C-alpha atoms as a PDB file:
ATOM      1  CA  UNK A   1     115.640 145.311 104.798  1.00  0.00           C
ATOM      2  CA  UNK A   2     119.579 145.741 105.818  1.00  0.00           C
ATOM      3  CA  UNK A   3     118.508 145.787 109.570  1.00  0.00           C
ATOM      4  CA  UNK A   4     117.426 142.148 109.004  1.00  0.00           C
ATOM      5  CA  UNK A   5     120.159 139.765 110.470  1.00  0.00           C
ATOM      6  CA  UNK A   6     120.913 136.724 111.834  1.00  0.00           C
ATOM      7  CA  UNK A   7     119.189 132.683 111.383  1.00  0.00           C
ATOM      8  CA  UNK A   8     116.619 131.689 113.500  1.00  0.00           C
ATOM      9  CA  UNK A   9     115.112 128.033 113.380  1.00  0.00           C
ATOM     10  CA  UNK A  10     111.824 127.221 115.354  1.00  0.00           C
ATOM     11  CA  UNK A  11     112.533 124.589 118.079  1.00  0.00           C
ATOM     12  CA  UNK A  12     109.188 122.194 118.668  1.00  0.00           C
ATOM     13  CA  UNK A  13     108.711 120.539 122.011  1.00  0.00           C
ATOM     14  CA  UNK A  14     106.041 118.525 123.229  1.00  0.00           C
ATOM     15  CA  UNK A  15     105.097 118.244 126.848  1.00  0.00           C
ATOM     16  CA  UNK A  16     108.307 119.989 127.801  1.00  0.00           C
ATOM     17  CA  UNK A  17     110.525 117.669 125.571  1.00  0.00           C
ATOM     18  CA  UNK A  18     112.504 119.320 122.742  1.00  0.00           C
ATOM     19  CA  UNK A  19     111.346 117.394 119.929  1.00  0.00           C
ATOM     20  CA  UNK A  20     114.038 115.477 117.100  1.00  0.00           C
ATOM     21  CA  UNK A  21     113.242 117.876 114.331  1.00  0.00           C
ATOM     22  CA  UNK A  22     114.617 120.934 116.219  1.00  0.00           C
ATOM     23  CA  UNK A  23     118.335 119.173 116.402  1.00  0.00           C
ATOM     24  CA  UNK A  24     117.755 118.486 112.713  1.00  0.00           C
ATOM     25  CA  UNK A  25     117.103 122.304 111.948  1.00  0.00           C
ATOM     26  CA  UNK A  26     120.157 123.215 113.736  1.00  0.00           C
ATOM     27  CA  UNK A  27     122.472 121.431 111.646  1.00  0.00           C
ATOM     28  CA  UNK A  28     120.258 123.225 108.811  1.00  0.00           C
ATOM     29  CA  UNK A  29     120.778 126.995 110.888  1.00  0.00           C
ATOM     30  CA  UNK A  30     124.162 125.895 111.836  1.00  0.00           C
ATOM     31  CA  UNK A  31     125.495 125.641 107.733  1.00  0.00           C
ATOM     32  CA  UNK A  32     123.763 128.636 106.729  1.00  0.00           C
ATOM     33  CA  UNK A  33     124.385 130.623 109.724  1.00  0.00           C
ATOM     34  CA  UNK A  34     128.025 130.015 108.975  1.00  0.00           C
ATOM     35  CA  UNK A  35     128.021 130.596 105.074  1.00  0.00           C
ATOM     36  CA  UNK A  36     126.410 133.752 105.949  1.00  0.00           C
ATOM     37  CA  UNK A  37     128.696 134.643 108.785  1.00  0.00           C
ATOM     38  CA  UNK A  38     125.996 135.013 111.324  1.00  0.00           C
ATOM     39  CA  UNK A  39     124.426 134.112 114.563  1.00  0.00           C
ATOM     40  CA  UNK A  40     122.136 131.204 114.660  1.00  0.00           C
ATOM     41  CA  UNK A  41     119.149 131.791 117.058  1.00  0.00           C
ATOM     42  CA  UNK A  42     116.944 128.929 118.417  1.00  0.00           C
ATOM     43  CA  UNK A  43     113.256 129.671 119.250  1.00  0.00           C
ATOM     44  CA  UNK A  44     111.357 127.492 121.570  1.00  0.00           C
ATOM     45  CA  UNK A  45     107.918 128.640 122.496  1.00  0.00           C
ATOM     46  CA  UNK A  46     106.740 127.089 125.988  1.00  0.00           C
ATOM     47  CA  UNK A  47     108.190 125.196 128.993  1.00  0.00           C
ATOM     48  CA  UNK A  48     111.607 123.315 128.483  1.00  0.00           C
ATOM     49  CA  UNK A  49     114.049 122.423 131.226  1.00  0.00           C
ATOM     50  CA  UNK A  50     117.179 124.587 132.103  1.00  0.00           C
ATOM     51  CA  UNK A  51     119.223 120.961 130.810  1.00  0.00           C
ATOM     52  CA  UNK A  52     117.061 121.032 127.628  1.00  0.00           C
ATOM     53  CA  UNK A  53     117.710 124.913 126.961  1.00  0.00           C
ATOM     54  CA  UNK A  54     121.226 123.462 127.307  1.00  0.00           C
ATOM     55  CA  UNK A  55     121.763 121.588 125.156  1.00  0.00           C
ATOM     56  CA  UNK A  56     119.909 123.374 122.157  1.00  0.00           C
ATOM     57  CA  UNK A  57     122.902 125.566 122.825  1.00  0.00           C
ATOM     58  CA  UNK A  58     126.213 122.408 122.785  1.00  0.00           C
ATOM     59  CA  UNK A  59     124.221 121.619 119.234  1.00  0.00           C
ATOM     60  CA  UNK A  60     124.981 124.647 117.339  1.00  0.00           C
ATOM     61  CA  UNK A  61     122.724 127.674 118.213  1.00  0.00           C
ATOM     62  CA  UNK A  62     124.444 130.868 119.528  1.00  0.00           C
ATOM     63  CA  UNK A  63     121.397 132.091 121.155  1.00  0.00           C
ATOM     64  CA  UNK A  64     118.147 130.541 122.778  1.00  0.00           C
ATOM     65  CA  UNK A  65     115.249 132.793 122.712  1.00  0.00           C
ATOM     66  CA  UNK A  66     112.871 131.138 125.159  1.00  0.00           C
ATOM     67  CA  UNK A  67     109.230 132.273 125.607  1.00  0.00           C
ATOM     68  CA  UNK A  68     107.298 130.788 128.425  1.00  0.00           C
ATOM     69  CA  UNK A  69     103.825 130.557 129.291  1.00  0.00           C
ATOM     70  CA  UNK A  70     100.811 128.264 130.077  1.00  0.00           C
ATOM     71  CA  UNK A  71      99.375 129.115 126.806  1.00  0.00           C
ATOM     72  CA  UNK A  72     102.380 128.299 124.554  1.00  0.00           C
ATOM     73  CA  UNK A  73     102.915 124.571 126.525  1.00  0.00           C
ATOM     74  CA  UNK A  74     100.732 123.197 123.858  1.00  0.00           C
ATOM     75  CA  UNK A  75     100.577 124.146 119.913  1.00  0.00           C
ATOM     76  CA  UNK A  76      97.813 126.600 119.359  1.00  0.00           C
ATOM     77  CA  UNK A  77      97.936 128.871 116.271  1.00  0.00           C
ATOM     78  CA  UNK A  78      97.068 131.844 117.154  1.00  0.00           C
ATOM     79  CA  UNK A  79      99.628 132.154 120.668  1.00  0.00           C
ATOM     80  CA  UNK A  80     102.163 130.705 118.698  1.00  0.00           C
ATOM     81  CA  UNK A  81     101.854 133.169 115.579  1.00  0.00           C
ATOM     82  CA  UNK A  82     101.111 136.522 117.370  1.00  0.00           C
ATOM     83  CA  UNK A  83     104.296 135.245 119.998  1.00  0.00           C
ATOM     84  CA  UNK A  84     106.846 134.601 117.062  1.00  0.00           C
ATOM     85  CA  UNK A  85     105.264 137.553 114.939  1.00  0.00           C
ATOM     86  CA  UNK A  86     105.927 140.060 118.267  1.00  0.00           C
ATOM     87  CA  UNK A  87     109.298 138.460 118.319  1.00  0.00           C
ATOM     88  CA  UNK A  88     109.680 138.947 114.350  1.00  0.00           C
ATOM     89  CA  UNK A  89     109.297 142.434 114.785  1.00  0.00           C
ATOM     90  CA  UNK A  90     111.768 142.965 117.443  1.00  0.00           C
ATOM     91  CA  UNK A  91     114.731 141.459 116.504  1.00  0.00           C
ATOM     92  CA  UNK A  92     114.019 141.037 112.771  1.00  0.00           C
ATOM     93  CA  UNK A  93     116.151 137.930 111.455  1.00  0.00           C
ATOM     94  CA  UNK A  94     116.728 137.639 107.876  1.00  0.00           C
ATOM     95  CA  UNK A  95     116.138 133.802 107.612  1.00  0.00           C
ATOM     96  CA  UNK A  96     113.685 131.517 109.662  1.00  0.00           C
ATOM     97  CA  UNK A  97     113.386 127.925 109.394  1.00  0.00           C
ATOM     98  CA  UNK A  98     110.809 125.426 111.005  1.00  0.00           C
ATOM     99  CA  UNK A  99     110.364 121.614 110.429  1.00  0.00           C
ATOM    100  CA  UNK A 100     107.580 120.511 107.917  1.00  0.00           C
ATOM    101  CA  UNK A 101     105.559 118.972 110.892  1.00  0.00           C
ATOM    102  CA  UNK A 102     102.271 119.672 111.705  1.00  0.00           C
ATOM    103  CA  UNK A 103     103.301 122.236 113.566  1.00  0.00           C
ATOM    104  CA  UNK A 104     105.540 124.127 111.248  1.00  0.00           C
ATOM    105  CA  UNK A 105     103.161 123.933 108.130  1.00  0.00           C
ATOM    106  CA  UNK A 106     100.245 125.378 110.375  1.00  0.00           C
ATOM    107  CA  UNK A 107     102.007 128.065 111.706  1.00  0.00           C
ATOM    108  CA  UNK A 108     104.345 128.966 109.061  1.00  0.00           C
ATOM    109  CA  UNK A 109     102.079 130.022 106.098  1.00  0.00           C
ATOM    110  CA  UNK A 110      99.950 131.896 109.223  1.00  0.00           C
ATOM    111  CA  UNK A 111     103.320 133.915 110.093  1.00  0.00           C
ATOM    112  CA  UNK A 112     104.335 134.874 106.101  1.00  0.00           C
ATOM    113  CA  UNK A 113     100.841 136.402 106.194  1.00  0.00           C
ATOM    114  CA  UNK A 114     101.328 138.344 108.795  1.00  0.00           C
ATOM    115  CA  UNK A 115     105.048 139.189 107.987  1.00  0.00           C
ATOM    116  CA  UNK A 116     104.038 139.893 104.734  1.00  0.00           C
ATOM    117  CA  UNK A 117     106.655 137.595 102.928  1.00  0.00           C
ATOM    118  CA  UNK A 118     107.421 134.295 101.360  1.00  0.00           C
ATOM    119  CA  UNK A 119     107.487 130.951 102.247  1.00  0.00           C
ATOM    120  CA  UNK A 120     108.839 127.606 100.363  1.00  0.00           C
ATOM    121  CA  UNK A 121     107.353 124.459 102.293  1.00  0.00           C
ATOM    122  CA  UNK A 122     109.182 121.086 102.770  1.00  0.00           C
ATOM    123  CA  UNK A 123     112.514 121.721 101.088  1.00  0.00           C
ATOM    124  CA  UNK A 124     114.869 118.713 101.358  1.00  0.00           C
ATOM    125  CA  UNK A 125     117.803 120.956 100.899  1.00  0.00           C
ATOM    126  CA  UNK A 126     118.476 124.727 101.641  1.00  0.00           C
ATOM    127  CA  UNK A 127     121.732 126.694 100.652  1.00  0.00           C
ATOM    128  CA  UNK A 128     123.044 130.525 100.511  1.00  0.00           C
ATOM    129  CA  UNK A 129     123.456 132.074  96.593  1.00  0.00           C
ATOM    130  CA  UNK A 130     126.861 133.509  96.106  1.00  0.00           C
ATOM    131  CA  UNK A 131     126.837 136.857  95.244  1.00  0.00           C
ATOM    132  CA  UNK A 132     123.441 137.807  96.562  1.00  0.00           C
ATOM    133  CA  UNK A 133     123.791 136.207  99.629  1.00  0.00           C
ATOM    134  CA  UNK A 134     120.178 134.878  99.093  1.00  0.00           C
ATOM    135  CA  UNK A 135     118.848 131.381 100.739  1.00  0.00           C
ATOM    136  CA  UNK A 136     117.904 129.191  97.812  1.00  0.00           C
ATOM    137  CA  UNK A 137     115.429 126.611  99.176  1.00  0.00           C
ATOM    138  CA  UNK A 138     115.008 123.403  96.890  1.00  0.00           C
ATOM    139  CA  UNK A 139     111.804 121.235  97.214  1.00  0.00           C
ATOM    140  CA  UNK A 140     110.708 118.729  94.495  1.00  0.00           C
ATOM    141  CA  UNK A 141     108.065 119.613  92.147  1.00  0.00           C
ATOM    142  CA  UNK A 142     105.546 118.091  89.833  1.00  0.00           C
ATOM    143  CA  UNK A 143     105.031 114.558  91.462  1.00  0.00           C
ATOM    144  CA  UNK A 144     108.658 114.502  92.574  1.00  0.00           C
ATOM    145  CA  UNK A 145     109.645 114.830  88.783  1.00  0.00           C
ATOM    146  CA  UNK A 146     112.158 117.502  89.156  1.00  0.00           C
ATOM    147  CA  UNK A 147     113.948 119.662  91.885  1.00  0.00           C
ATOM    148  CA  UNK A 148     112.529 123.266  92.015  1.00  0.00           C
ATOM    149  CA  UNK A 149     115.123 125.640  93.445  1.00  0.00           C
ATOM    150  CA  UNK A 150     113.211 129.150  95.000  1.00  0.00           C
ATOM    151  CA  UNK A 151     114.451 132.553  96.239  1.00  0.00           C
ATOM    152  CA  UNK A 152     112.244 135.482  98.207  1.00  0.00           C
ATOM    153  CA  UNK A 153     115.001 138.025  96.520  1.00  0.00           C
ATOM    154  CA  UNK A 154     112.370 141.076  97.566  1.00  0.00           C
ATOM    155  CA  UNK A 155     111.235 140.200 100.969  1.00  0.00           C
ATOM    156  CA  UNK A 156     112.608 139.773 104.827  1.00  0.00           C
ATOM    157  CA  UNK A 157     112.253 137.210 106.329  1.00  0.00           C
ATOM    158  CA  UNK A 158     112.932 134.785 104.417  1.00  0.00           C
ATOM    159  CA  UNK A 159     111.147 131.568 105.352  1.00  0.00           C
ATOM    160  CA  UNK A 160     111.305 127.523 104.459  1.00  0.00           C
ATOM    161  CA  UNK A 161     110.354 124.553 106.475  1.00  0.00           C
ATOM    162  CA  UNK A 162     112.153 121.521 106.147  1.00  0.00           C
ATOM    163  CA  UNK A 163     111.026 117.924 105.689  1.00  0.00           C
ATOM    164  CA  UNK A 164     111.471 115.953 108.781  1.00  0.00           C
ATOM    165  CA  UNK A 165     114.735 113.293 108.720  1.00  0.00           C
ATOM    166  CA  UNK A 166     116.389 114.781 105.438  1.00  0.00           C
ATOM    167  CA  UNK A 167     119.268 115.682 107.199  1.00  0.00           C
ATOM    168  CA  UNK A 168     121.190 114.398 110.799  1.00  0.00           C
ATOM    169  CA  UNK A 169     120.118 115.646 113.765  1.00  0.00           C
ATOM    170  CA  UNK A 170     123.235 118.593 115.568  1.00  0.00           C
ATOM    171  CA  UNK A 171     125.890 116.609 117.086  1.00  0.00           C
ATOM    172  CA  UNK A 172     126.771 117.896 120.909  1.00  0.00           C
ATOM    173  CA  UNK A 173     129.767 120.007 121.364  1.00  0.00           C
ATOM    174  CA  UNK A 174     130.302 120.093 124.966  1.00  0.00           C
ATOM    175  CA  UNK A 175     132.636 123.080 124.552  1.00  0.00           C
ATOM    176  CA  UNK A 176     129.689 124.747 122.989  1.00  0.00           C
ATOM    177  CA  UNK A 177     129.018 128.111 124.948  1.00  0.00           C
ATOM    178  CA  UNK A 178     126.227 130.474 123.865  1.00  0.00           C
ATOM    179  CA  UNK A 179     123.117 132.642 125.385  1.00  0.00           C
ATOM    180  CA  UNK A 180     119.507 132.108 126.443  1.00  0.00           C
ATOM    181  CA  UNK A 181     117.430 134.586 126.751  1.00  0.00           C
ATOM    182  CA  UNK A 182     114.164 134.160 128.533  1.00  0.00           C
ATOM    183  CA  UNK A 183     111.713 136.668 126.633  1.00  0.00           C
ATOM    184  CA  UNK A 184     108.358 138.791 127.913  1.00  0.00           C
ATOM    185  CA  UNK A 185     105.814 139.372 125.370  1.00  0.00           C
ATOM    186  CA  UNK A 186     102.311 141.215 125.942  1.00  0.00           C
ATOM    187  CA  UNK A 187     100.048 138.844 127.114  1.00  0.00           C
ATOM    188  CA  UNK A 188      97.747 139.755 124.543  1.00  0.00           C
ATOM    189  CA  UNK A 189     100.243 137.814 122.202  1.00  0.00           C
ATOM    190  CA  UNK A 190      98.261 134.327 123.945  1.00  0.00           C
ATOM    191  CA  UNK A 191      94.692 135.009 123.510  1.00  0.00           C
ATOM    192  CA  UNK A 192      92.796 132.921 121.166  1.00  0.00           C
ATOM    193  CA  UNK A 193      89.590 131.496 120.134  1.00  0.00           C
ATOM    194  CA  UNK A 194      90.308 128.286 120.309  1.00  0.00           C
ATOM    195  CA  UNK A 195      91.245 125.386 122.573  1.00  0.00           C
ATOM    196  CA  UNK A 196      92.771 122.546 122.976  1.00  0.00           C
ATOM    197  CA  UNK A 197      91.072 119.582 124.122  1.00  0.00           C
ATOM    198  CA  UNK A 198      92.758 116.359 123.996  1.00  0.00           C
ATOM    199  CA  UNK A 199      95.586 114.993 121.833  1.00  0.00           C
ATOM    200  CA  UNK A 200      94.850 111.586 120.004  1.00  0.00           C
ATOM    201  CA  UNK A 201      97.995 109.415 118.564  1.00  0.00           C
ATOM    202  CA  UNK A 202      97.464 108.261 115.180  1.00  0.00           C
ATOM    203  CA  UNK A 203      96.588 105.083 114.404  1.00  0.00           C
ATOM    204  CA  UNK A 204      96.543 104.990 110.492  1.00  0.00           C
ATOM    205  CA  UNK A 205      98.080 102.388 108.367  1.00  0.00           C
ATOM    206  CA  UNK A 206     102.291 103.253 108.618  1.00  0.00           C
ATOM    207  CA  UNK A 207     102.107 106.267 110.614  1.00  0.00           C
ATOM    208  CA  UNK A 208     105.033 105.702 112.299  1.00  0.00           C
ATOM    209  CA  UNK A 209     107.373 105.312 109.533  1.00  0.00           C
ATOM    210  CA  UNK A 210     109.450 108.165 109.745  1.00  0.00           C
ATOM    211  CA  UNK A 211     110.171 107.049 113.557  1.00  0.00           C
ATOM    212  CA  UNK A 212     110.838 103.501 112.774  1.00  0.00           C
ATOM    213  CA  UNK A 213     114.237 102.163 113.892  1.00  0.00           C
ATOM    214  CA  UNK A 214     114.499  99.599 111.018  1.00  0.00           C
ATOM    215  CA  UNK A 215     112.542  99.697 107.862  1.00  0.00           C
ATOM    216  CA  UNK A 216     112.113  96.898 105.399  1.00  0.00           C
ATOM    217  CA  UNK A 217     111.226  98.183 101.546  1.00  0.00           C
ATOM    218  CA  UNK A 218     110.516  96.736  98.700  1.00  0.00           C
ATOM    219  CA  UNK A 219     110.738  97.949  94.911  1.00  0.00           C
ATOM    220  CA  UNK A 220     109.811  97.063  91.462  1.00  0.00           C
ATOM    221  CA  UNK A 221     111.690  93.750  91.495  1.00  0.00           C
ATOM    222  CA  UNK A 222     109.545  92.083  93.608  1.00  0.00           C
ATOM    223  CA  UNK A 223     107.805  92.115  90.500  1.00  0.00           C
ATOM    224  CA  UNK A 224     104.014  91.597  92.282  1.00  0.00           C
ATOM    225  CA  UNK A 225     101.878  92.167  95.176  1.00  0.00           C
ATOM    226  CA  UNK A 226     101.726  89.208  96.557  1.00  0.00           C
ATOM    227  CA  UNK A 227     105.700  89.365  96.903  1.00  0.00           C
ATOM    228  CA  UNK A 228     105.430  91.943  99.414  1.00  0.00           C
ATOM    229  CA  UNK A 229     104.458  89.761 101.857  1.00  0.00           C
ATOM    230  CA  UNK A 230     108.156  89.010 102.384  1.00  0.00           C
ATOM    231  CA  UNK A 231     108.736  92.633 102.902  1.00  0.00           C
ATOM    232  CA  UNK A 232     106.085  92.514 105.654  1.00  0.00           C
ATOM    233  CA  UNK A 233     107.461  89.214 107.392  1.00  0.00           C
ATOM    234  CA  UNK A 234     111.130  90.078 107.168  1.00  0.00           C
ATOM    235  CA  UNK A 235     109.519  93.351 108.773  1.00  0.00           C
ATOM    236  CA  UNK A 236     107.601  92.136 111.508  1.00  0.00           C
ATOM    237  CA  UNK A 237     110.391  89.877 112.390  1.00  0.00           C
ATOM    238  CA  UNK A 238     112.687  93.310 112.860  1.00  0.00           C
ATOM    239  CA  UNK A 239     110.194  94.782 114.889  1.00  0.00           C
ATOM    240  CA  UNK A 240     110.657  97.510 111.771  1.00  0.00           C
ATOM    241  CA  UNK A 241     108.292  98.993 109.334  1.00  0.00           C
ATOM    242  CA  UNK A 242     107.234  98.626 105.851  1.00  0.00           C
ATOM    243  CA  UNK A 243     108.812 101.188 103.107  1.00  0.00           C
ATOM    244  CA  UNK A 244     108.558 100.898  99.307  1.00  0.00           C
ATOM    245  CA  UNK A 245     109.211 102.888  96.575  1.00  0.00           C
ATOM    246  CA  UNK A 246     106.820 105.466  94.343  1.00  0.00           C
ATOM    247  CA  UNK A 247     107.079 102.556  91.420  1.00  0.00           C
ATOM    248  CA  UNK A 248     105.705  99.948  93.825  1.00  0.00           C
ATOM    249  CA  UNK A 249     103.110 102.139  95.008  1.00  0.00           C
ATOM    250  CA  UNK A 250     102.114 103.242  91.692  1.00  0.00           C
ATOM    251  CA  UNK A 251     101.011  99.752  90.722  1.00  0.00           C
ATOM    252  CA  UNK A 252      99.154  99.043  93.449  1.00  0.00           C
ATOM    253  CA  UNK A 253     101.184  96.529  95.266  1.00  0.00           C
ATOM    254  CA  UNK A 254     101.433  98.879  98.698  1.00  0.00           C
ATOM    255  CA  UNK A 255      99.444 101.468  99.775  1.00  0.00           C
ATOM    256  CA  UNK A 256     100.966 105.634  99.767  1.00  0.00           C
ATOM    257  CA  UNK A 257     101.628 105.555 103.509  1.00  0.00           C
ATOM    258  CA  UNK A 258     104.314 103.549 103.171  1.00  0.00           C
ATOM    259  CA  UNK A 259     106.231 105.221  99.693  1.00  0.00           C
ATOM    260  CA  UNK A 260     109.715 106.614 100.663  1.00  0.00           C
ATOM    261  CA  UNK A 261     111.349 109.462  98.488  1.00  0.00           C
ATOM    262  CA  UNK A 262     110.754 113.074  97.452  1.00  0.00           C
ATOM    263  CA  UNK A 263     106.902 112.313  96.637  1.00  0.00           C
ATOM    264  CA  UNK A 264     106.585 109.900  99.715  1.00  0.00           C
ATOM    265  CA  UNK A 265     108.371 110.317 102.972  1.00  0.00           C
ATOM    266  CA  UNK A 266     111.983 110.857 104.479  1.00  0.00           C
ATOM    267  CA  UNK A 267     113.525 108.557 106.788  1.00  0.00           C
ATOM    268  CA  UNK A 268     116.339 108.244 108.899  1.00  0.00           C
ATOM    269  CA  UNK A 269     116.272 104.654 110.213  1.00  0.00           C
ATOM    270  CA  UNK A 270     119.287 102.893 112.222  1.00  0.00           C
ATOM    271  CA  UNK A 271     118.672  99.796 109.632  1.00  0.00           C
ATOM    272  CA  UNK A 272     117.294 100.397 106.200  1.00  0.00           C
ATOM    273  CA  UNK A 273     116.987  96.978 104.248  1.00  0.00           C
ATOM    274  CA  UNK A 274     115.566  97.386 100.608  1.00  0.00           C
ATOM    275  CA  UNK A 275     115.242  94.511  97.912  1.00  0.00           C
ATOM    276  CA  UNK A 276     114.670  94.584  94.265  1.00  0.00           C
ATOM    277  CA  UNK A 277     115.093  98.938  94.903  1.00  0.00           C
ATOM    278  CA  UNK A 278     117.055 100.080  91.908  1.00  0.00           C
ATOM    279  CA  UNK A 279     118.129 103.739  93.917  1.00  0.00           C
ATOM    280  CA  UNK A 280     116.671 106.037  91.441  1.00  0.00           C
ATOM    281  CA  UNK A 281     117.226 109.693  92.655  1.00  0.00           C
ATOM    282  CA  UNK A 282     113.944 110.290  93.594  1.00  0.00           C
ATOM    283  CA  UNK A 283     113.672 107.208  96.216  1.00  0.00           C
ATOM    284  CA  UNK A 284     117.332 107.832  97.487  1.00  0.00           C
ATOM    285  CA  UNK A 285     116.572 111.737  98.651  1.00  0.00           C
ATOM    286  CA  UNK A 286     114.009 109.676 100.878  1.00  0.00           C
ATOM    287  CA  UNK A 287     116.860 107.488 102.375  1.00  0.00           C
ATOM    288  CA  UNK A 288     120.166 108.365 102.218  1.00  0.00           C
ATOM    289  CA  UNK A 289     120.657 109.816 105.626  1.00  0.00           C
ATOM    290  CA  UNK A 290     119.738 105.879 107.112  1.00  0.00           C
ATOM    291  CA  UNK A 291     122.617 104.844 109.679  1.00  0.00           C
ATOM    292  CA  UNK A 292     123.160 101.500 107.905  1.00  0.00           C
ATOM    293  CA  UNK A 293     121.603 100.969 104.355  1.00  0.00           C
ATOM    294  CA  UNK A 294     121.968  97.250 103.130  1.00  0.00           C
ATOM    295  CA  UNK A 295     120.590  96.822  99.868  1.00  0.00           C
ATOM    296  CA  UNK A 296     119.317  93.300  97.513  1.00  0.00           C
ATOM    297  CA  UNK A 297     119.639  93.693  94.388  1.00  0.00           C
ATOM    298  CA  UNK A 298     120.867  91.165  90.871  1.00  0.00           C
ATOM    299  CA  UNK A 299     122.604  94.367  88.800  1.00  0.00           C
ATOM    300  CA  UNK A 300     125.892  94.516  90.734  1.00  0.00           C
ATOM    301  CA  UNK A 301     125.525  98.356  89.063  1.00  0.00           C
ATOM    302  CA  UNK A 302     122.486  99.495  90.652  1.00  0.00           C
ATOM    303  CA  UNK A 303     122.295 102.689  91.826  1.00  0.00           C
ATOM    304  CA  UNK A 304     121.396 101.946  95.477  1.00  0.00           C
ATOM    305  CA  UNK A 305     124.907  99.796  95.799  1.00  0.00           C
ATOM    306  CA  UNK A 306     126.863 103.856  95.686  1.00  0.00           C
ATOM    307  CA  UNK A 307     124.987 104.363  99.114  1.00  0.00           C
ATOM    308  CA  UNK A 308     124.422 101.189 100.394  1.00  0.00           C
ATOM    309  CA  UNK A 309     126.782  99.891 103.708  1.00  0.00           C
ATOM    310  CA  UNK A 310     126.375  96.447 102.863  1.00  0.00           C
ATOM    311  CA  UNK A 311     125.144  95.064  99.005  1.00  0.00           C
ATOM    312  CA  UNK A 312     124.382  91.777  98.262  1.00  0.00           C
ATOM    313  CA  UNK A 313     123.984  90.947  94.339  1.00  0.00           C
ATOM    314  CA  UNK A 314     122.055  88.469  93.868  1.00  0.00           C
ATOM    315  CA  UNK A 315     118.238  86.906  93.498  1.00  0.00           C
ATOM    316  CA  UNK A 316     116.018  88.614  96.527  1.00  0.00           C
ATOM    317  CA  UNK A 317     113.599  85.480  95.662  1.00  0.00           C
ATOM    318  CA  UNK A 318     116.424  83.362  96.823  1.00  0.00           C
ATOM    319  CA  UNK A 319     117.876  85.444  99.169  1.00  0.00           C
ATOM    320  CA  UNK A 320     114.673  86.647 101.401  1.00  0.00           C
ATOM    321  CA  UNK A 321     113.714  83.369 101.879  1.00  0.00           C
ATOM    322  CA  UNK A 322     116.934  82.145 103.701  1.00  0.00           C
ATOM    323  CA  UNK A 323     117.214  85.636 105.704  1.00  0.00           C
ATOM    324  CA  UNK A 324     113.633  85.113 106.984  1.00  0.00           C
ATOM    325  CA  UNK A 325     113.985  81.386 107.718  1.00  0.00           C
ATOM    326  CA  UNK A 326     117.023  82.299 109.628  1.00  0.00           C
ATOM    327  CA  UNK A 327     115.561  85.200 111.588  1.00  0.00           C
ATOM    328  CA  UNK A 328     113.033  83.016 112.689  1.00  0.00           C
ATOM    329  CA  UNK A 329     114.744  80.445 113.946  1.00  0.00           C
ATOM    330  CA  UNK A 330     116.698  82.788 116.141  1.00  0.00           C
ATOM    331  CA  UNK A 331     113.769  84.827 117.783  1.00  0.00           C
ATOM    332  CA  UNK A 332     111.820  82.099 117.152  1.00  0.00           C
ATOM    333  CA  UNK A 333     108.723  83.388 115.902  1.00  0.00           C
ATOM    334  CA  UNK A 334     106.177  81.542 114.620  1.00  0.00           C
ATOM    335  CA  UNK A 335     105.444  81.969 110.634  1.00  0.00           C
ATOM    336  CA  UNK A 336     102.121  83.636 109.991  1.00  0.00           C
END
């Protein structure tokens, strides 16, 4: 076990474009690598540009392992798992983290079985335990009512998937330098019993909540489902998405795809407007990385004001209609 060393993040690319989750993982990986005083390696399977490779180094990676083959241009479970297993056997990393995306949630369990190790899914925080140097993997449990801290003390590599949007993407450092290794793996790694037919974008309700630049969210303070029409209207004016607290979802005022928090989605929009949201720990964990948080609540001591950039202490039933009217007049959007 002592021969294992180094922190790995598994980057993602789609059609040759490096995805945002890769830079979020670099933020997480850099923190772990600095704590362990070990190098951070980004692994990317599939074709990316030279500029993208350099950008990953400048965003925190000490080394980039790049495997390029047409079989890896689009995610398929077997070629990705076989290729990663080969790299792990060759380099023996101590810690591997990936995004809790459709790719990560498919790849990492297969990889954990193949490597005979453990895996903690959908983590919201990672740390290194003092004394043992083991990775502490924190995730919500029991419907988001508690936070569980999990360790994998007897197996390596230690593996976890991390919830997207739970941390800011790593910033560019133009002074950073590193090594790009174009790795060659055996041809049999690319064999697959399935093939990619096509990729269809999801059109389900609120499917792009995590990618929205603007989110308008409502909580228990709205009092009933009918009052969510104000949230929908404001979101429409701002070309944003609609979010909600778990309490609002549990009461049936809005459907689960809108839920933000430990037991829902984690978001990081440019603007997050919330009305009637008190700011429970579970909800804050899902939106506190938003760039600008605007909160409306009658209680000046509400927890939401502790993370808000702008707080309005007042009655949402007076404030939201005025705000909607002003914005509709400015944007000349007709009332529904």
